[in-house]
């Protein structure tokens, strides 16, 4: 019975990593559509969203089955409940990628506003946070989780920087307002990706240490 439980728990981890990889790819592709004005990847993002939504259902069912059939002890029970919460955060951050590609699709119909520097940096940082937070969760590694929490401040600062920069664009050129606002919202979407990665990292600390570090640091 224990061997079956361990195998099913490993399968759950693999499915979470698969979902995380899909979400991370969606972020990269959505930003590529925006920065490189590449319409071809837009359909790929929407297709991946369907895969993510399907995996969310599969993973939730796996969590319920593990609890119902095996009645896991405290540590494993926390992990499975944490997996269900992580599953929800992964689906929501994938939704942020869809929000980005929706705005990118509209922006492709207009002239580009400016060369992009901050948004690609935000995207790279957000994707790294997603990857590292998920690895920390499946490996039950609170130290890696705390490293993710520290990077959230950097992502927030980049979002503030681009908001200031684009606000100046709007002040100098009223014709740029709609495009600048769309880019500010995209930066906000990337910030939200980081927030969901932070949730996963905080969840890992709770699973491993039984400590709730939300709202007051690690």
N, C-alpha and C. Protein backbone atom coordinates (compact mmCIF):
# COMPACT_ATOMS: atom_id res chain seq x y z
N UNK A 1 0.83 -1.21 0.00
CA UNK A 1 0.00 0.00 0.00
C UNK A 1 0.87 1.27 0.00
N UNK A 2 1.95 1.26 0.81
CA UNK A 2 2.83 2.42 0.87
C UNK A 2 3.51 2.65 -0.49
N UNK A 3 3.90 1.55 -1.16
CA UNK A 3 4.55 1.69 -2.46
C UNK A 3 3.61 2.34 -3.46
N UNK A 4 2.33 1.93 -3.45
CA UNK A 4 1.35 2.53 -4.37
C UNK A 4 1.16 4.02 -4.05
N UNK A 5 1.13 4.34 -2.77
CA UNK A 5 0.98 5.74 -2.37
C UNK A 5 2.16 6.57 -2.86
N UNK A 6 3.37 6.04 -2.66
CA UNK A 6 4.57 6.77 -3.09
C UNK A 6 4.58 6.97 -4.60
N UNK A 7 4.16 5.95 -5.34
CA UNK A 7 4.12 6.07 -6.81
C UNK A 7 3.10 7.11 -7.24
N UNK A 8 1.94 7.12 -6.60
CA UNK A 8 0.90 8.09 -6.95
C UNK A 8 1.33 9.51 -6.56
N UNK A 9 2.04 9.62 -5.45
CA UNK A 9 2.53 10.93 -5.04
C UNK A 9 3.56 11.45 -6.05
N UNK A 10 4.41 10.55 -6.54
CA UNK A 10 5.39 10.94 -7.55
C UNK A 10 4.70 11.37 -8.84
N UNK A 11 3.64 10.66 -9.22
CA UNK A 11 2.87 11.03 -10.41
C UNK A 11 2.26 12.42 -10.25
N UNK A 12 1.78 12.70 -9.05
CA UNK A 12 1.23 14.03 -8.77
C UNK A 12 2.29 15.10 -8.97
N UNK A 13 3.50 14.86 -8.49
CA UNK A 13 4.59 15.82 -8.66
C UNK A 13 4.90 16.04 -10.15
N UNK A 14 4.93 14.95 -10.90
CA UNK A 14 5.22 15.05 -12.34
C UNK A 14 4.17 15.88 -13.05
N UNK A 15 2.91 15.69 -12.69
CA UNK A 15 1.83 16.45 -13.32
C UNK A 15 1.91 17.93 -12.97
N UNK A 16 2.28 18.22 -11.73
CA UNK A 16 2.46 19.63 -11.34
C UNK A 16 3.60 20.27 -12.12
N UNK A 17 4.69 19.54 -12.29
CA UNK A 17 5.82 20.07 -13.05
C UNK A 17 5.46 20.28 -14.51
N UNK A 18 4.64 19.37 -15.04
CA UNK A 18 4.18 19.53 -16.42
C UNK A 18 3.31 20.78 -16.56
N UNK A 19 2.43 21.00 -15.59
CA UNK A 19 1.56 22.18 -15.63
C UNK A 19 2.38 23.46 -15.49
N UNK A 20 3.37 23.43 -14.61
CA UNK A 20 4.24 24.60 -14.44
C UNK A 20 4.99 24.91 -15.72
N UNK A 21 5.51 23.88 -16.40
CA UNK A 21 6.25 24.10 -17.65
C UNK A 21 5.35 24.70 -18.72
N UNK A 22 4.10 24.26 -18.77
CA UNK A 22 3.15 24.82 -19.73
C UNK A 22 2.89 26.30 -19.43
N UNK A 23 2.66 26.60 -18.16
CA UNK A 23 2.38 27.99 -17.78
C UNK A 23 3.58 28.89 -18.07
N UNK A 24 4.77 28.38 -17.78
CA UNK A 24 5.98 29.15 -18.04
C UNK A 24 6.15 29.42 -19.54
N UNK A 25 5.86 28.39 -20.35
CA UNK A 25 5.95 28.57 -21.80
C UNK A 25 4.93 29.59 -22.29
N UNK A 26 3.74 29.59 -21.70
CA UNK A 26 2.72 30.55 -22.08
C UNK A 26 3.17 31.98 -21.83
N UNK A 27 3.84 32.20 -20.70
CA UNK A 27 4.34 33.54 -20.39
C UNK A 27 5.36 33.97 -21.44
N UNK A 28 6.29 33.07 -21.76
CA UNK A 28 7.33 33.40 -22.74
C UNK A 28 6.72 33.70 -24.11
N UNK A 29 5.75 32.90 -24.51
CA UNK A 29 5.14 33.08 -25.83
C UNK A 29 4.30 34.34 -25.89
N UNK A 30 3.59 34.64 -24.81
CA UNK A 30 2.76 35.85 -24.79
C UNK A 30 3.63 37.09 -24.93
N UNK A 31 4.76 37.12 -24.23
CA UNK A 31 5.66 38.27 -24.31
C UNK A 31 6.35 38.31 -25.67
N UNK A 32 6.64 37.15 -26.24
CA UNK A 32 7.23 37.11 -27.58
C UNK A 32 6.26 37.72 -28.60
N UNK A 33 4.99 37.40 -28.47
CA UNK A 33 3.99 37.97 -29.38
C UNK A 33 4.00 39.49 -29.30
N UNK A 34 4.17 40.01 -28.08
CA UNK A 34 4.18 41.45 -27.87
C UNK A 34 5.46 42.10 -28.39
N UNK A 35 6.59 41.58 -27.94
CA UNK A 35 7.87 42.24 -28.20
C UNK A 35 8.32 42.05 -29.64
N UNK A 36 8.18 40.83 -30.16
CA UNK A 36 8.62 40.54 -31.52
C UNK A 36 7.51 40.71 -32.55
N UNK A 37 6.32 41.09 -32.07
CA UNK A 37 5.16 41.28 -32.93
C UNK A 37 4.94 40.01 -33.78
N UNK A 38 4.94 38.90 -33.09
CA UNK A 38 4.86 37.58 -33.71
C UNK A 38 3.44 37.01 -33.51
N UNK A 39 2.62 37.15 -34.52
CA UNK A 39 1.24 36.70 -34.42
C UNK A 39 1.12 35.18 -34.34
N UNK A 40 2.11 34.46 -34.84
CA UNK A 40 2.01 33.01 -34.93
C UNK A 40 1.90 32.35 -33.55
N UNK A 41 2.53 32.94 -32.54
CA UNK A 41 2.53 32.28 -31.24
C UNK A 41 1.25 32.53 -30.45
N UNK A 42 0.41 33.43 -30.91
CA UNK A 42 -0.82 33.74 -30.18
C UNK A 42 -1.70 32.51 -30.07
N UNK A 43 -1.88 31.80 -31.16
CA UNK A 43 -2.72 30.59 -31.14
C UNK A 43 -2.13 29.54 -30.21
N UNK A 44 -0.82 29.48 -30.13
CA UNK A 44 -0.16 28.50 -29.25
C UNK A 44 -0.50 28.77 -27.79
N UNK A 45 -0.54 30.03 -27.40
CA UNK A 45 -0.87 30.38 -26.02
C UNK A 45 -2.29 29.92 -25.70
N UNK A 46 -3.22 30.18 -26.61
CA UNK A 46 -4.60 29.77 -26.36
C UNK A 46 -4.73 28.24 -26.30
N UNK A 47 -3.96 27.54 -27.12
CA UNK A 47 -4.00 26.08 -27.10
C UNK A 47 -3.45 25.54 -25.78
N UNK A 48 -2.37 26.15 -25.32
CA UNK A 48 -1.78 25.70 -24.06
C UNK A 48 -2.73 25.97 -22.89
N UNK A 49 -3.53 27.03 -22.97
CA UNK A 49 -4.48 27.32 -21.90
C UNK A 49 -5.45 26.15 -21.72
N UNK A 50 -5.88 25.55 -22.82
CA UNK A 50 -6.78 24.40 -22.72
C UNK A 50 -6.10 23.23 -22.03
N UNK A 51 -4.82 23.03 -22.33
CA UNK A 51 -4.07 21.95 -21.66
C UNK A 51 -3.96 22.22 -20.17
N UNK A 52 -3.68 23.46 -19.81
CA UNK A 52 -3.55 23.81 -18.40
C UNK A 52 -4.88 23.59 -17.68
N UNK A 53 -5.98 24.01 -18.29
CA UNK A 53 -7.28 23.83 -17.65
C UNK A 53 -7.61 22.36 -17.46
N UNK A 54 -7.23 21.54 -18.44
CA UNK A 54 -7.46 20.09 -18.31
C UNK A 54 -6.61 19.52 -17.17
N UNK A 55 -5.35 19.93 -17.11
CA UNK A 55 -4.47 19.43 -16.05
C UNK A 55 -4.96 19.85 -14.67
N UNK A 56 -5.53 21.04 -14.57
CA UNK A 56 -6.04 21.48 -13.27
C UNK A 56 -7.07 20.50 -12.74
N UNK A 57 -7.97 20.06 -13.60
CA UNK A 57 -9.00 19.09 -13.20
C UNK A 57 -8.36 17.76 -12.81
N UNK A 58 -7.42 17.31 -13.63
CA UNK A 58 -6.75 16.03 -13.37
C UNK A 58 -6.03 16.06 -12.03
N UNK A 59 -5.30 17.12 -11.76
CA UNK A 59 -4.53 17.22 -10.52
C UNK A 59 -5.44 17.30 -9.30
N UNK A 60 -6.51 18.07 -9.40
CA UNK A 60 -7.46 18.14 -8.28
C UNK A 60 -8.03 16.76 -7.97
N UNK A 61 -8.36 16.01 -9.00
CA UNK A 61 -8.90 14.67 -8.79
C UNK A 61 -7.85 13.75 -8.16
N UNK A 62 -6.60 13.89 -8.58
CA UNK A 62 -5.53 13.09 -7.99
C UNK A 62 -5.38 13.40 -6.50
N UNK A 63 -5.46 14.67 -6.14
CA UNK A 63 -5.33 15.05 -4.72
C UNK A 63 -6.46 14.44 -3.89
N UNK A 64 -7.68 14.54 -4.40
CA UNK A 64 -8.82 13.98 -3.67
C UNK A 64 -8.70 12.48 -3.52
N UNK A 65 -8.26 11.81 -4.58
CA UNK A 65 -8.12 10.35 -4.55
C UNK A 65 -7.05 9.92 -3.55
N UNK A 66 -5.92 10.62 -3.54
CA UNK A 66 -4.86 10.29 -2.60
C UNK A 66 -5.33 10.40 -1.15
N UNK A 67 -6.09 11.44 -0.87
CA UNK A 67 -6.58 11.63 0.50
C UNK A 67 -7.62 10.56 0.85
N UNK A 68 -8.54 10.31 -0.08
CA UNK A 68 -9.64 9.37 0.20
C UNK A 68 -9.15 7.93 0.35
N UNK A 69 -8.22 7.52 -0.49
CA UNK A 69 -7.79 6.12 -0.49
C UNK A 69 -6.70 5.80 0.51
N UNK A 70 -5.84 6.78 0.81
CA UNK A 70 -4.66 6.48 1.61
C UNK A 70 -4.65 7.13 2.99
N UNK A 71 -5.54 8.07 3.23
CA UNK A 71 -5.59 8.75 4.53
C UNK A 71 -4.17 9.10 5.02
N UNK A 72 -3.46 9.94 4.27
CA UNK A 72 -2.05 10.20 4.58
C UNK A 72 -1.84 10.88 5.93
N UNK A 73 -0.65 10.65 6.48
CA UNK A 73 -0.27 11.27 7.75
C UNK A 73 0.00 12.75 7.55
N UNK A 74 0.28 13.44 8.65
CA UNK A 74 0.28 14.91 8.67
C UNK A 74 1.16 15.53 7.58
N UNK A 75 2.42 15.09 7.45
CA UNK A 75 3.33 15.71 6.49
C UNK A 75 2.87 15.52 5.07
N UNK A 76 2.48 14.29 4.72
CA UNK A 76 2.02 14.01 3.36
C UNK A 76 0.66 14.68 3.11
N UNK A 77 -0.17 14.73 4.13
CA UNK A 77 -1.46 15.40 3.97
C UNK A 77 -1.27 16.87 3.67
N UNK A 78 -0.36 17.53 4.38
CA UNK A 78 -0.07 18.94 4.10
C UNK A 78 0.43 19.11 2.67
N UNK A 79 1.28 18.16 2.23
CA UNK A 79 1.80 18.26 0.87
C UNK A 79 0.68 18.15 -0.16
N UNK A 80 -0.23 17.21 0.03
CA UNK A 80 -1.31 17.01 -0.95
C UNK A 80 -2.25 18.23 -0.95
N UNK A 81 -2.58 18.73 0.22
CA UNK A 81 -3.42 19.94 0.28
C UNK A 81 -2.66 21.12 -0.35
N UNK A 82 -1.37 21.17 -0.11
CA UNK A 82 -0.55 22.21 -0.73
C UNK A 82 -0.50 22.07 -2.24
N UNK A 83 -0.50 20.82 -2.73
CA UNK A 83 -0.50 20.58 -4.17
C UNK A 83 -1.78 21.11 -4.80
N UNK A 84 -2.91 20.94 -4.12
CA UNK A 84 -4.17 21.46 -4.64
C UNK A 84 -4.14 22.98 -4.72
N UNK A 85 -3.55 23.61 -3.71
CA UNK A 85 -3.44 25.07 -3.72
C UNK A 85 -2.45 25.54 -4.80
N UNK A 86 -1.33 24.84 -4.92
CA UNK A 86 -0.36 25.15 -5.97
C UNK A 86 -0.97 25.01 -7.35
N UNK A 87 -1.78 23.98 -7.52
CA UNK A 87 -2.49 23.75 -8.77
C UNK A 87 -3.34 24.96 -9.15
N UNK A 88 -4.02 25.51 -8.17
CA UNK A 88 -4.86 26.69 -8.41
C UNK A 88 -4.02 27.90 -8.79
N UNK A 89 -2.89 28.09 -8.11
CA UNK A 89 -2.02 29.22 -8.44
C UNK A 89 -1.44 29.08 -9.85
N UNK A 90 -1.07 27.86 -10.25
CA UNK A 90 -0.53 27.66 -11.59
C UNK A 90 -1.58 27.99 -12.66
N UNK A 91 -2.82 27.59 -12.41
CA UNK A 91 -3.88 27.89 -13.38
C UNK A 91 -4.11 29.39 -13.48
N UNK A 92 -4.04 30.07 -12.35
CA UNK A 92 -4.29 31.51 -12.35
C UNK A 92 -3.14 32.28 -13.01
N UNK A 93 -1.93 31.84 -12.79
CA UNK A 93 -0.82 32.57 -13.45
C UNK A 93 -0.82 32.29 -14.95
N UNK A 94 -1.31 31.11 -15.37
CA UNK A 94 -1.48 30.85 -16.80
C UNK A 94 -2.53 31.80 -17.38
N UNK A 95 -3.56 32.10 -16.59
CA UNK A 95 -4.56 33.08 -17.02
C UNK A 95 -3.94 34.45 -17.27
N UNK A 96 -2.93 34.80 -16.48
CA UNK A 96 -2.25 36.07 -16.69
C UNK A 96 -1.55 36.10 -18.05
N UNK A 97 -1.00 34.96 -18.46
CA UNK A 97 -0.39 34.88 -19.80
C UNK A 97 -1.42 35.11 -20.89
N UNK A 98 -2.62 34.57 -20.69
CA UNK A 98 -3.71 34.79 -21.65
C UNK A 98 -4.08 36.27 -21.69
N UNK A 99 -4.14 36.89 -20.53
CA UNK A 99 -4.43 38.33 -20.48
C UNK A 99 -3.38 39.13 -21.26
N UNK A 100 -2.12 38.73 -21.11
CA UNK A 100 -1.05 39.43 -21.83
C UNK A 100 -1.22 39.26 -23.33
N UNK A 101 -1.48 38.04 -23.78
CA UNK A 101 -1.57 37.81 -25.23
C UNK A 101 -2.82 38.47 -25.80
N UNK A 102 -3.88 38.59 -25.02
CA UNK A 102 -5.06 39.33 -25.48
C UNK A 102 -4.69 40.78 -25.79
N UNK A 103 -3.93 41.40 -24.88
CA UNK A 103 -3.53 42.79 -25.08
C UNK A 103 -2.52 42.90 -26.22
N UNK A 104 -1.60 41.93 -26.31
CA UNK A 104 -0.62 41.94 -27.39
C UNK A 104 -1.31 41.86 -28.75
N UNK A 105 -2.34 41.04 -28.84
CA UNK A 105 -3.08 40.89 -30.09
C UNK A 105 -3.66 42.23 -30.54
N UNK A 106 -4.19 42.99 -29.58
CA UNK A 106 -4.75 44.31 -29.92
C UNK A 106 -3.64 45.29 -30.28
N UNK A 107 -2.51 45.23 -29.56
CA UNK A 107 -1.41 46.16 -29.82
C UNK A 107 -0.76 45.92 -31.18
N UNK A 108 -0.83 44.70 -31.69
CA UNK A 108 -0.24 44.41 -32.99
C UNK A 108 -0.95 45.16 -34.13
N UNK A 109 -2.14 45.64 -33.85
CA UNK A 109 -2.88 46.38 -34.87
C UNK A 109 -2.46 47.85 -34.92
N UNK A 110 -1.59 48.27 -34.00
CA UNK A 110 -1.13 49.66 -33.93
C UNK A 110 0.39 49.71 -34.07
N UNK A 111 0.95 50.86 -34.41
CA UNK A 111 2.41 50.99 -34.46
C UNK A 111 3.02 50.73 -33.09
N UNK A 112 4.22 50.16 -33.04
CA UNK A 112 4.85 49.93 -31.73
C UNK A 112 5.14 51.24 -31.03
N UNK A 113 4.95 51.25 -29.73
CA UNK A 113 5.10 52.49 -28.98
C UNK A 113 6.57 52.82 -28.71
N UNK A 114 7.38 51.79 -28.39
CA UNK A 114 8.74 52.05 -27.96
C UNK A 114 9.52 50.73 -27.98
N UNK A 115 10.85 50.80 -27.99
CA UNK A 115 11.63 49.57 -27.82
C UNK A 115 11.36 48.99 -26.43
N UNK A 116 11.32 47.67 -26.35
CA UNK A 116 11.00 47.04 -25.07
C UNK A 116 12.28 46.65 -24.34
N UNK A 117 12.36 46.99 -23.07
CA UNK A 117 13.47 46.55 -22.22
C UNK A 117 12.94 45.97 -20.91
N UNK A 118 12.10 46.72 -20.23
CA UNK A 118 11.66 46.31 -18.90
C UNK A 118 10.73 45.11 -18.97
N UNK A 119 9.79 45.09 -19.90
CA UNK A 119 8.83 43.99 -19.95
C UNK A 119 9.52 42.64 -20.17
N UNK A 120 10.47 42.51 -21.10
CA UNK A 120 11.17 41.22 -21.20
C UNK A 120 11.92 40.85 -19.92
N UNK A 121 12.49 41.83 -19.24
CA UNK A 121 13.16 41.54 -17.97
C UNK A 121 12.16 41.04 -16.93
N UNK A 122 11.00 41.67 -16.88
CA UNK A 122 9.96 41.21 -15.96
C UNK A 122 9.52 39.79 -16.29
N UNK A 123 9.37 39.52 -17.58
CA UNK A 123 8.91 38.19 -18.00
C UNK A 123 9.92 37.12 -17.62
N UNK A 124 11.21 37.39 -17.85
CA UNK A 124 12.25 36.43 -17.50
C UNK A 124 12.28 36.18 -16.00
N UNK A 125 12.18 37.25 -15.22
CA UNK A 125 12.19 37.11 -13.77
C UNK A 125 10.96 36.34 -13.29
N UNK A 126 9.78 36.67 -13.83
CA UNK A 126 8.56 35.99 -13.42
C UNK A 126 8.60 34.50 -13.75
N UNK A 127 9.10 34.18 -14.95
CA UNK A 127 9.19 32.78 -15.35
C UNK A 127 10.15 32.01 -14.44
N UNK A 128 11.27 32.64 -14.08
CA UNK A 128 12.22 31.99 -13.18
C UNK A 128 11.60 31.76 -11.81
N UNK A 129 10.83 32.72 -11.34
CA UNK A 129 10.15 32.57 -10.05
C UNK A 129 9.16 31.40 -10.09
N UNK A 130 8.43 31.28 -11.19
CA UNK A 130 7.49 30.17 -11.32
C UNK A 130 8.23 28.84 -11.27
N UNK A 131 9.29 28.73 -12.08
CA UNK A 131 10.05 27.48 -12.15
C UNK A 131 10.64 27.12 -10.79
N UNK A 132 11.27 28.10 -10.14
CA UNK A 132 11.95 27.82 -8.88
C UNK A 132 10.96 27.53 -7.75
N UNK A 133 9.84 28.23 -7.75
CA UNK A 133 8.85 27.98 -6.69
C UNK A 133 8.26 26.58 -6.82
N UNK A 134 8.04 26.12 -8.05
CA UNK A 134 7.49 24.79 -8.25
C UNK A 134 8.52 23.72 -7.88
N UNK A 135 9.78 23.93 -8.28
CA UNK A 135 10.84 22.99 -7.89
C UNK A 135 10.97 22.93 -6.37
N UNK A 136 10.89 24.07 -5.73
CA UNK A 136 10.95 24.10 -4.28
C UNK A 136 9.80 23.30 -3.67
N UNK A 137 8.62 23.43 -4.26
CA UNK A 137 7.47 22.72 -3.71
C UNK A 137 7.63 21.21 -3.84
N UNK A 138 7.92 20.73 -5.05
CA UNK A 138 7.98 19.27 -5.24
C UNK A 138 9.15 18.66 -4.48
N UNK A 139 10.21 19.45 -4.25
CA UNK A 139 11.37 18.95 -3.50
C UNK A 139 11.31 19.29 -2.01
N UNK A 140 10.24 19.98 -1.61
CA UNK A 140 10.04 20.38 -0.21
C UNK A 140 11.27 21.14 0.29
N UNK A 141 11.63 22.19 -0.44
CA UNK A 141 12.86 22.94 -0.18
C UNK A 141 12.52 24.37 0.24
N UNK A 142 12.41 24.64 1.54
CA UNK A 142 12.04 25.99 1.99
C UNK A 142 13.11 27.03 1.70
N UNK A 143 14.39 26.63 1.62
CA UNK A 143 15.44 27.60 1.33
C UNK A 143 15.27 28.18 -0.07
N UNK A 144 14.97 27.34 -1.06
CA UNK A 144 14.72 27.83 -2.41
C UNK A 144 13.46 28.68 -2.45
N UNK A 145 12.48 28.33 -1.63
CA UNK A 145 11.25 29.13 -1.56
C UNK A 145 11.54 30.53 -1.06
N UNK A 146 12.39 30.65 -0.06
CA UNK A 146 12.71 31.98 0.48
C UNK A 146 13.47 32.82 -0.55
N UNK A 147 14.27 32.17 -1.39
CA UNK A 147 14.96 32.90 -2.46
C UNK A 147 13.95 33.47 -3.45
N UNK A 148 12.88 32.73 -3.71
CA UNK A 148 11.81 33.23 -4.59
C UNK A 148 11.14 34.45 -3.96
N UNK A 149 10.88 34.39 -2.68
CA UNK A 149 10.22 35.51 -2.01
C UNK A 149 11.04 36.79 -2.13
N UNK A 150 12.36 36.68 -2.07
CA UNK A 150 13.22 37.86 -2.18
C UNK A 150 13.13 38.49 -3.56
N UNK A 151 12.95 37.66 -4.60
CA UNK A 151 12.91 38.19 -5.97
C UNK A 151 11.60 38.93 -6.26
N UNK A 152 10.59 38.70 -5.46
CA UNK A 152 9.31 39.37 -5.71
C UNK A 152 9.46 40.89 -5.60
N UNK A 153 10.30 41.34 -4.69
CA UNK A 153 10.52 42.79 -4.54
C UNK A 153 11.12 43.38 -5.81
N UNK A 154 12.03 42.64 -6.45
CA UNK A 154 12.65 43.12 -7.69
C UNK A 154 11.60 43.24 -8.79
N UNK A 155 10.71 42.27 -8.87
CA UNK A 155 9.66 42.32 -9.89
C UNK A 155 8.73 43.50 -9.64
N UNK A 156 8.39 43.73 -8.39
CA UNK A 156 7.53 44.87 -8.06
C UNK A 156 8.20 46.19 -8.45
N UNK A 157 9.52 46.28 -8.23
CA UNK A 157 10.23 47.52 -8.57
C UNK A 157 10.23 47.74 -10.07
N UNK A 158 10.42 46.69 -10.85
CA UNK A 158 10.40 46.82 -12.31
C UNK A 158 9.03 47.30 -12.78
N UNK A 159 7.99 46.82 -12.13
CA UNK A 159 6.65 47.27 -12.50
C UNK A 159 6.47 48.76 -12.20
N UNK A 160 7.00 49.21 -11.08
CA UNK A 160 6.94 50.64 -10.76
C UNK A 160 7.75 51.45 -11.77
N UNK A 161 8.92 50.93 -12.14
CA UNK A 161 9.78 51.64 -13.10
C UNK A 161 9.08 51.84 -14.44
N UNK A 162 8.45 50.79 -14.95
CA UNK A 162 7.82 50.93 -16.27
C UNK A 162 6.58 51.79 -16.19
N UNK A 163 5.92 51.79 -15.05
CA UNK A 163 4.75 52.66 -14.89
C UNK A 163 5.17 54.13 -14.95
N UNK A 164 6.26 54.47 -14.29
CA UNK A 164 6.79 55.85 -14.34
C UNK A 164 7.19 56.21 -15.77
N UNK A 165 7.90 55.29 -16.42
CA UNK A 165 8.39 55.56 -17.77
C UNK A 165 7.24 55.78 -18.76
N UNK A 166 6.24 54.91 -18.68
CA UNK A 166 5.13 55.02 -19.62
C UNK A 166 4.20 56.19 -19.28
N UNK A 167 4.13 56.54 -18.03
CA UNK A 167 3.35 57.73 -17.65
C UNK A 167 3.95 58.98 -18.28
N UNK A 168 5.29 59.02 -18.35
CA UNK A 168 5.96 60.14 -19.00
C UNK A 168 5.68 60.14 -20.50
N UNK A 169 5.63 58.96 -21.11
CA UNK A 169 5.26 58.87 -22.52
C UNK A 169 3.88 59.48 -22.75
N UNK A 170 2.94 59.12 -21.89
CA UNK A 170 1.57 59.62 -22.05
C UNK A 170 1.51 61.12 -21.86
N UNK A 171 2.32 61.64 -20.94
CA UNK A 171 2.32 63.08 -20.70
C UNK A 171 2.84 63.83 -21.92
N UNK A 172 3.88 63.28 -22.55
CA UNK A 172 4.50 63.96 -23.69
C UNK A 172 3.73 63.75 -24.99
N UNK A 173 3.03 62.64 -25.10
CA UNK A 173 2.36 62.31 -26.36
C UNK A 173 0.98 61.72 -26.07
N UNK A 174 -0.05 62.55 -26.06
CA UNK A 174 -1.40 62.05 -25.77
C UNK A 174 -1.86 60.93 -26.70
N UNK A 175 -1.30 60.87 -27.90
CA UNK A 175 -1.69 59.82 -28.84
C UNK A 175 -1.22 58.43 -28.38
N UNK A 176 -0.30 58.41 -27.44
CA UNK A 176 0.25 57.12 -26.97
C UNK A 176 -0.52 56.54 -25.79
N UNK A 177 -1.55 57.24 -25.33
CA UNK A 177 -2.19 56.86 -24.05
C UNK A 177 -2.71 55.43 -24.07
N UNK A 178 -3.47 55.05 -25.08
CA UNK A 178 -4.09 53.73 -25.07
C UNK A 178 -3.04 52.62 -25.11
N UNK A 179 -1.99 52.83 -25.91
CA UNK A 179 -0.93 51.82 -25.99
C UNK A 179 -0.12 51.76 -24.71
N UNK A 180 0.17 52.91 -24.13
CA UNK A 180 0.93 52.94 -22.88
C UNK A 180 0.15 52.29 -21.75
N UNK A 181 -1.14 52.57 -21.69
CA UNK A 181 -1.97 51.94 -20.65
C UNK A 181 -1.99 50.42 -20.80
N UNK A 182 -2.07 49.95 -22.04
CA UNK A 182 -2.05 48.50 -22.28
C UNK A 182 -0.75 47.89 -21.79
N UNK A 183 0.37 48.57 -22.02
CA UNK A 183 1.67 48.06 -21.56
C UNK A 183 1.77 48.08 -20.04
N UNK A 184 1.20 49.09 -19.42
CA UNK A 184 1.18 49.14 -17.95
C UNK A 184 0.38 47.96 -17.40
N UNK A 185 -0.73 47.65 -18.06
CA UNK A 185 -1.54 46.51 -17.62
C UNK A 185 -0.81 45.19 -17.84
N UNK A 186 -0.03 45.10 -18.91
CA UNK A 186 0.77 43.89 -19.13
C UNK A 186 1.82 43.74 -18.03
N UNK A 187 2.44 44.85 -17.65
CA UNK A 187 3.40 44.80 -16.54
C UNK A 187 2.69 44.34 -15.26
N UNK A 188 1.47 44.78 -15.08
CA UNK A 188 0.69 44.35 -13.91
C UNK A 188 0.41 42.84 -14.00
N UNK A 189 0.11 42.35 -15.19
CA UNK A 189 -0.10 40.90 -15.35
C UNK A 189 1.15 40.12 -14.96
N UNK A 190 2.32 40.61 -15.36
CA UNK A 190 3.57 39.93 -15.01
C UNK A 190 3.83 40.01 -13.51
N UNK A 191 3.48 41.13 -12.91
CA UNK A 191 3.60 41.25 -11.46
C UNK A 191 2.71 40.22 -10.77
N UNK A 192 1.52 40.00 -11.31
CA UNK A 192 0.61 39.01 -10.73
C UNK A 192 1.15 37.59 -10.89
N UNK A 193 1.84 37.32 -12.00
CA UNK A 193 2.51 36.02 -12.14
C UNK A 193 3.47 35.82 -10.98
N UNK A 194 4.25 36.85 -10.68
CA UNK A 194 5.17 36.78 -9.55
C UNK A 194 4.45 36.58 -8.23
N UNK A 195 3.29 37.20 -8.08
CA UNK A 195 2.51 37.02 -6.85
C UNK A 195 2.08 35.56 -6.68
N UNK A 196 1.68 34.92 -7.78
CA UNK A 196 1.27 33.51 -7.69
C UNK A 196 2.47 32.62 -7.40
N UNK A 197 3.63 32.94 -7.99
CA UNK A 197 4.84 32.18 -7.66
C UNK A 197 5.19 32.35 -6.18
N UNK A 198 5.00 33.56 -5.67
CA UNK A 198 5.23 33.82 -4.25
C UNK A 198 4.28 32.99 -3.39
N UNK A 199 3.02 32.89 -3.81
CA UNK A 199 2.06 32.06 -3.08
C UNK A 199 2.54 30.61 -2.98
N UNK A 200 3.07 30.10 -4.11
CA UNK A 200 3.56 28.72 -4.12
C UNK A 200 4.75 28.58 -3.17
N UNK A 201 5.64 29.57 -3.19
CA UNK A 201 6.80 29.53 -2.30
C UNK A 201 6.38 29.57 -0.83
N UNK A 202 5.44 30.43 -0.50
CA UNK A 202 4.94 30.50 0.87
C UNK A 202 4.26 29.19 1.26
N UNK A 203 3.55 28.61 0.32
CA UNK A 203 2.88 27.34 0.55
C UNK A 203 3.89 26.24 0.88
N UNK A 204 5.02 26.26 0.18
CA UNK A 204 6.07 25.27 0.43
C UNK A 204 6.58 25.36 1.86
N UNK A 205 6.81 26.57 2.33
CA UNK A 205 7.30 26.77 3.70
C UNK A 205 6.28 26.22 4.70
N UNK A 206 5.00 26.44 4.42
CA UNK A 206 3.97 25.91 5.31
C UNK A 206 3.96 24.38 5.28
N UNK A 207 4.07 23.80 4.10
CA UNK A 207 4.04 22.34 3.97
C UNK A 207 5.21 21.71 4.73
N UNK A 208 6.40 22.29 4.59
CA UNK A 208 7.60 21.69 5.19
C UNK A 208 7.73 22.01 6.67
N UNK A 209 7.48 23.26 7.02
CA UNK A 209 7.76 23.72 8.39
C UNK A 209 6.50 23.93 9.23
N UNK A 210 5.33 23.92 8.59
CA UNK A 210 4.10 24.17 9.33
C UNK A 210 3.96 25.61 9.76
N UNK A 211 4.69 26.52 9.09
CA UNK A 211 4.67 27.94 9.45
C UNK A 211 3.99 28.73 8.34
N UNK A 212 3.05 29.58 8.73
CA UNK A 212 2.36 30.45 7.77
C UNK A 212 3.12 31.76 7.71
N UNK A 213 3.82 31.99 6.56
CA UNK A 213 4.65 33.19 6.44
C UNK A 213 3.98 34.27 5.59
N UNK A 214 2.73 34.09 5.27
CA UNK A 214 2.05 35.13 4.50
C UNK A 214 1.97 36.42 5.33
N UNK A 215 2.17 37.54 4.63
CA UNK A 215 1.99 38.89 5.20
C UNK A 215 3.11 39.31 6.17
N UNK A 216 3.99 38.39 6.56
CA UNK A 216 5.01 38.82 7.51
C UNK A 216 6.36 38.15 7.24
N UNK A 217 6.62 37.82 5.98
CA UNK A 217 7.95 37.34 5.60
C UNK A 217 8.25 35.95 6.07
N UNK A 218 9.45 35.45 5.66
CA UNK A 218 9.84 34.08 5.96
C UNK A 218 10.65 33.96 7.22
